[in-house]
Amino acid sequence: GVKVEGVGIAERAERVLLLILAAVTYTLNFKVERIEIGDAVSYVLLLLTIITVIQRFIYIKRCLM
């Protein structure tokens, strides 16, 4: 199989930190100018996860060619 550790913009540590940050900001209900910080962190996490998945698919495709 193809090993994909280290491939992608958001690795496990970054995702865990963003999940913790989202949980804390949701719990404490942080807001800046009507923007929920927990929501913003969640959207950033979702975007980084999607980018990471795409990068890994591209990496696997290149390795198998």
Protein backbone atom coordinates (compact mmCIF):
# COMPACT_ATOMS: atom_id res chain seq x y z
CA GLY A 1 0.00 0.00 0.00
CA VAL A 2 0.86 3.63 -0.26
CA LYS A 3 1.76 5.40 2.98
CA VAL A 4 0.21 8.86 3.22
CA GLU A 5 1.61 10.01 6.57
CA GLY A 6 2.83 13.56 6.19
CA VAL A 7 0.84 14.14 3.00
CA GLY A 8 -1.66 16.96 3.17
CA ILE A 9 -2.05 20.38 4.69
CA ALA A 10 -3.78 19.24 7.91
CA GLU A 11 -2.28 16.32 9.75
CA ARG A 12 -3.73 14.63 12.82
CA ALA A 13 -2.20 17.07 15.34
CA GLU A 14 -3.61 20.12 13.57
CA ARG A 15 -7.05 18.53 13.32
CA VAL A 16 -7.06 17.57 17.01
CA LEU A 17 -6.04 21.10 18.04
CA LEU A 18 -8.75 22.64 15.86
CA LEU A 19 -11.36 20.23 17.29
CA ILE A 20 -10.35 21.19 20.83
CA LEU A 21 -10.43 24.89 19.92
CA ALA A 22 -13.88 24.52 18.35
CA ALA A 23 -15.19 22.67 21.42
CA VAL A 24 -13.83 25.29 23.82
CA THR A 25 -15.16 28.23 21.80
CA TYR A 26 -18.59 26.59 21.46
CA THR A 27 -18.69 25.91 25.19
CA LEU A 28 -17.66 29.44 26.14
CA ASN A 29 -19.78 30.98 23.34
CA PHE A 30 -17.04 33.29 22.02
CA LYS A 31 -18.23 35.89 19.50
CA VAL A 32 -16.42 38.60 17.57
CA GLU A 33 -18.60 41.09 15.69
CA ARG A 34 -21.58 38.69 15.46
CA ILE A 35 -19.33 35.86 14.23
CA GLU A 36 -19.29 32.72 16.35
CA ILE A 37 -15.65 31.73 16.70
CA GLY A 38 -16.62 28.06 17.12
CA ASP A 39 -18.42 28.15 13.77
CA ALA A 40 -15.45 29.82 12.08
CA VAL A 41 -13.03 27.24 13.49
CA SER A 42 -15.34 24.43 12.35
CA TYR A 43 -15.46 25.83 8.80
CA VAL A 44 -11.66 26.13 8.71
CA LEU A 45 -11.36 22.55 9.97
CA LEU A 46 -13.79 21.32 7.31
CA LEU A 47 -11.94 23.19 4.55
CA LEU A 48 -8.52 21.88 5.66
CA THR A 49 -9.85 18.33 5.88
CA ILE A 50 -11.28 18.51 2.35
CA ILE A 51 -8.00 19.91 1.01
CA THR A 52 -6.04 17.16 2.80
CA VAL A 53 -8.24 14.41 1.35
CA ILE A 54 -7.83 15.83 -2.17
CA GLN A 55 -4.05 16.11 -1.71
CA ARG A 56 -3.85 12.51 -0.54
CA PHE A 57 -5.90 11.22 -3.49
CA ILE A 58 -3.58 13.08 -5.87
CA TYR A 59 -0.52 11.67 -4.06
CA ILE A 60 -1.86 8.10 -4.25
CA LYS A 61 -2.72 8.51 -7.93
CA ARG A 62 0.83 9.72 -8.68
CA CYS A 63 2.39 6.86 -6.71
CA LEU A 64 0.36 4.22 -8.52
CA MET A 65 1.20 5.48 -12.02
